[in-house]
Protein backbone atom coordinates (compact mmCIF):
# COMPACT_ATOMS: atom_id res chain seq x y z
CA UNK A 1 -74.28 -103.14 -9.27
CA UNK A 2 -71.72 -105.05 -11.74
CA UNK A 3 -73.23 -107.77 -13.90
CA UNK A 4 -70.00 -110.06 -13.17
CA UNK A 5 -67.90 -110.11 -9.99
CA UNK A 6 -64.74 -112.07 -9.32
CA UNK A 7 -63.66 -112.52 -5.94
CA UNK A 8 -60.69 -114.22 -4.38
CA UNK A 9 -58.66 -113.86 -0.89
CA UNK A 10 -61.24 -111.85 0.87
CA UNK A 11 -63.75 -114.78 0.81
CA UNK A 12 -61.32 -116.43 3.24
CA UNK A 13 -59.38 -113.55 4.66
CA UNK A 14 -56.32 -114.59 2.56
CA UNK A 15 -55.71 -117.41 4.97
CA UNK A 16 -56.18 -120.18 1.90
CA UNK A 17 -56.97 -119.76 -1.84
CA UNK A 18 -60.36 -119.58 -2.44
CA UNK A 19 -62.10 -117.90 -5.22
CA UNK A 20 -65.68 -117.46 -6.78
CA UNK A 21 -67.21 -115.73 -10.06
CA UNK A 22 -70.61 -114.00 -9.20
CA UNK A 23 -72.71 -113.08 -11.56
CA UNK A 24 -76.60 -111.85 -12.32
CA UNK A 25 -79.12 -114.13 -12.87
CA UNK A 26 -79.10 -113.14 -16.70
CA UNK A 27 -75.12 -113.55 -17.42
CA UNK A 28 -75.29 -116.82 -15.27
CA UNK A 29 -78.37 -118.57 -17.06
CA UNK A 30 -76.46 -118.16 -20.52
CA UNK A 31 -72.63 -119.10 -19.36
CA UNK A 32 -74.36 -122.18 -17.58
CA UNK A 33 -76.85 -122.95 -20.46
CA UNK A 34 -75.91 -126.43 -22.18
CA UNK A 35 -74.03 -125.92 -25.70
CA UNK A 36 -77.31 -125.15 -28.43
CA UNK A 37 -78.46 -128.84 -30.12
CA UNK A 38 -76.75 -130.59 -27.14
CA UNK A 39 -78.61 -133.51 -25.51
CA UNK A 40 -76.66 -132.12 -21.86
CA UNK A 41 -78.38 -130.37 -19.15
CA UNK A 42 -76.96 -126.93 -17.88
CA UNK A 43 -73.38 -127.05 -16.97
CA UNK A 44 -72.06 -124.58 -14.37
CA UNK A 45 -68.88 -122.64 -15.13
CA UNK A 46 -66.14 -124.67 -14.58
CA UNK A 47 -63.04 -122.73 -14.15
CA UNK A 48 -60.08 -123.28 -11.94
CA UNK A 49 -60.29 -126.92 -11.30
CA UNK A 50 -57.15 -126.93 -9.10
CA UNK A 51 -58.86 -124.92 -6.29
CA UNK A 52 -62.64 -126.32 -6.56
CA UNK A 53 -63.92 -127.76 -3.89
CA UNK A 54 -61.26 -127.51 -1.35
CA UNK A 55 -63.08 -128.57 2.15
CA UNK A 56 -60.69 -126.72 3.87
CA UNK A 57 -61.20 -123.31 1.74
CA UNK A 58 -64.77 -123.63 1.72
CA UNK A 59 -65.12 -123.94 5.45
CA UNK A 60 -62.68 -120.98 5.96
CA UNK A 61 -64.74 -118.71 3.41
CA UNK A 62 -68.12 -119.86 5.53
CA UNK A 63 -66.40 -118.95 8.29
CA UNK A 64 -64.94 -115.74 7.16
CA UNK A 65 -67.95 -114.32 5.27
CA UNK A 66 -70.36 -115.60 8.42
CA UNK A 67 -68.11 -113.14 10.54
CA UNK A 68 -68.16 -110.35 8.02
CA UNK A 69 -72.20 -110.71 7.82
CA UNK A 70 -72.56 -110.58 12.03
CA UNK A 71 -70.41 -107.57 12.67
CA UNK A 72 -70.77 -103.81 11.56
CA UNK A 73 -67.26 -103.24 12.81
CA UNK A 74 -65.74 -103.48 9.07
CA UNK A 75 -68.40 -100.68 8.10
CA UNK A 76 -67.38 -98.26 10.60
CA UNK A 77 -63.90 -98.57 9.73
CA UNK A 78 -64.76 -98.05 5.85
CA UNK A 79 -66.53 -95.03 6.44
CA UNK A 80 -63.93 -93.72 8.70
CA UNK A 81 -61.50 -94.64 5.84
CA UNK A 82 -63.74 -92.86 3.42
CA UNK A 83 -63.79 -89.56 5.64
CA UNK A 84 -59.86 -89.62 5.60
CA UNK A 85 -60.13 -89.75 1.54
CA UNK A 86 -62.46 -87.18 1.09
């Protein structure tokens, strides 16, 4: 599995702009750690503030991911495509 994975259009099915950076616990704990000597708490990785926290995009992403997790249709389709490529 990768240590860092950047995802975008797949989160919302391409309907609205949304992206995310996924990371292992080890990577995330270092990236989000407060700078050495800082009195601040740990900080999140703030990247792409133009698109962050858009309520519509978040709702669409939630619906899209929920639909993917519920149905197995896409797994069957991926296997069919894999069979054609082999």
